[in-house]
Protein backbone atom coordinates (compact mmCIF):
# COMPACT_ATOMS: atom_id res chain seq x y z
CA MET A 1 29.15 9.23 -3.24
CA SER A 2 26.92 7.24 -5.59
CA LEU A 3 23.30 6.17 -5.39
CA LEU A 4 22.32 2.65 -6.46
CA ASP A 5 18.95 1.06 -7.19
CA ALA A 6 17.38 -0.64 -4.15
CA THR A 7 14.30 -2.17 -5.78
CA GLY A 8 13.21 -5.22 -3.81
CA TYR A 9 15.14 -4.41 -0.62
CA GLU A 10 13.87 -3.19 2.72
CA ALA A 11 15.06 -2.33 6.21
CA VAL A 12 13.70 -4.39 9.11
CA PHE A 13 13.06 -2.72 12.48
CA ALA A 14 11.90 -3.95 15.89
CA THR A 15 9.27 -2.43 18.14
CA PRO A 16 9.76 -2.26 21.92
CA GLU A 17 7.12 -5.03 22.16
CA GLY A 18 9.27 -7.39 20.08
CA ASP A 19 7.35 -7.16 16.80
CA THR A 20 9.05 -6.25 13.53
CA TYR A 21 8.11 -3.87 10.76
CA ARG A 22 9.66 -3.14 7.37
CA ILE A 23 10.30 0.01 5.36
CA PRO A 24 11.21 -0.31 1.65
CA LEU A 25 14.61 1.12 0.73
CA VAL A 26 14.60 4.16 -1.55
CA CYS A 27 18.19 3.57 -2.71
CA TRP A 28 21.61 2.31 -1.63
CA ARG A 29 24.18 5.02 -0.89
CA GLU A 30 27.78 4.09 -1.61
CA ASP A 31 30.13 6.28 0.39
CA GLU A 32 33.87 5.53 0.08
CA ASP A 33 34.12 1.92 1.31
CA ARG A 34 30.61 1.46 2.80
CA VAL A 35 27.14 0.99 1.39
CA TYR A 36 24.05 2.16 3.30
CA GLY A 37 20.36 1.54 2.69
CA MET A 38 18.37 4.79 2.60
CA VAL A 39 14.75 5.02 3.82
CA LEU A 40 12.18 7.79 4.10
CA VAL A 41 11.34 8.54 7.73
CA LYS A 42 8.92 11.37 8.48
CA GLY A 43 9.58 12.85 5.04
CA GLN A 44 13.39 12.78 5.37
CA LEU A 45 15.86 10.49 3.60
CA ARG A 46 17.94 8.73 6.29
CA CYS A 47 20.47 5.90 6.54
CA ALA A 48 18.43 2.90 7.68
CA ASP A 49 21.07 1.57 10.07
CA ARG A 50 21.05 4.90 11.93
CA VAL A 51 17.27 4.87 12.49
CA ARG A 52 16.18 3.76 15.95
CA HIS A 53 15.45 0.02 16.36
CA PHE A 54 17.16 -1.02 13.07
CA LEU A 55 17.75 -4.79 12.91
CA ARG A 56 18.93 -5.69 9.41
CA TYR A 57 18.46 -5.33 5.70
CA GLY A 58 16.26 -7.81 3.87
CA ALA A 59 15.21 -8.67 0.35
CA ARG A 60 11.48 -8.74 -0.31
CA THR A 61 10.45 -12.12 -1.69
CA ALA A 62 7.18 -13.77 -2.65
CA ASP A 63 7.95 -16.54 -0.13
CA GLY A 64 6.93 -14.55 2.91
CA PRO A 65 8.40 -12.90 5.97
CA ASP A 66 11.56 -15.04 6.24
CA ASP A 67 13.73 -13.31 3.72
CA GLU A 68 17.38 -13.07 2.85
CA ALA A 69 19.21 -10.46 4.89
CA GLY A 70 22.60 -9.00 5.47
CA THR A 71 24.19 -8.00 8.72
CA PRO A 72 23.58 -4.48 10.00
CA GLY A 73 25.63 -1.96 8.06
CA THR A 74 26.10 -4.17 5.01
CA ALA A 75 24.22 -4.29 1.77
CA PRO A 76 23.40 -7.78 0.46
CA HIS A 77 24.27 -8.11 -3.24
CA ALA A 78 25.02 -4.37 -3.54
CA ALA A 79 27.90 -5.10 -5.90
CA THR A 80 25.49 -6.63 -8.44
CA LEU A 81 23.19 -3.61 -8.55
CA ALA A 82 23.46 -1.33 -11.55
CA PRO A 83 23.64 2.40 -10.88
CA ALA A 84 20.18 3.85 -11.42
CA LEU A 85 20.48 7.29 -9.88
CA GLY A 86 23.43 9.55 -9.89
């Protein structure tokens, strides 16, 4: 297991009403052949794609709410991130 820097990335979630909200990623967790975004939820570090109502990962940009995103369970550009924690 390794932890990678996730600066500038966030997890996007849906509400039951259809709205979306975002939580910044704390780090990426590389585990064997998968990479997960980790978020703080109620004081606990959790895999974002296992948190209820997860939609996708996104990159925070100055352009606004329509950002670049990967598919659920994948980490966009994770291979280009330098290890920061570990």
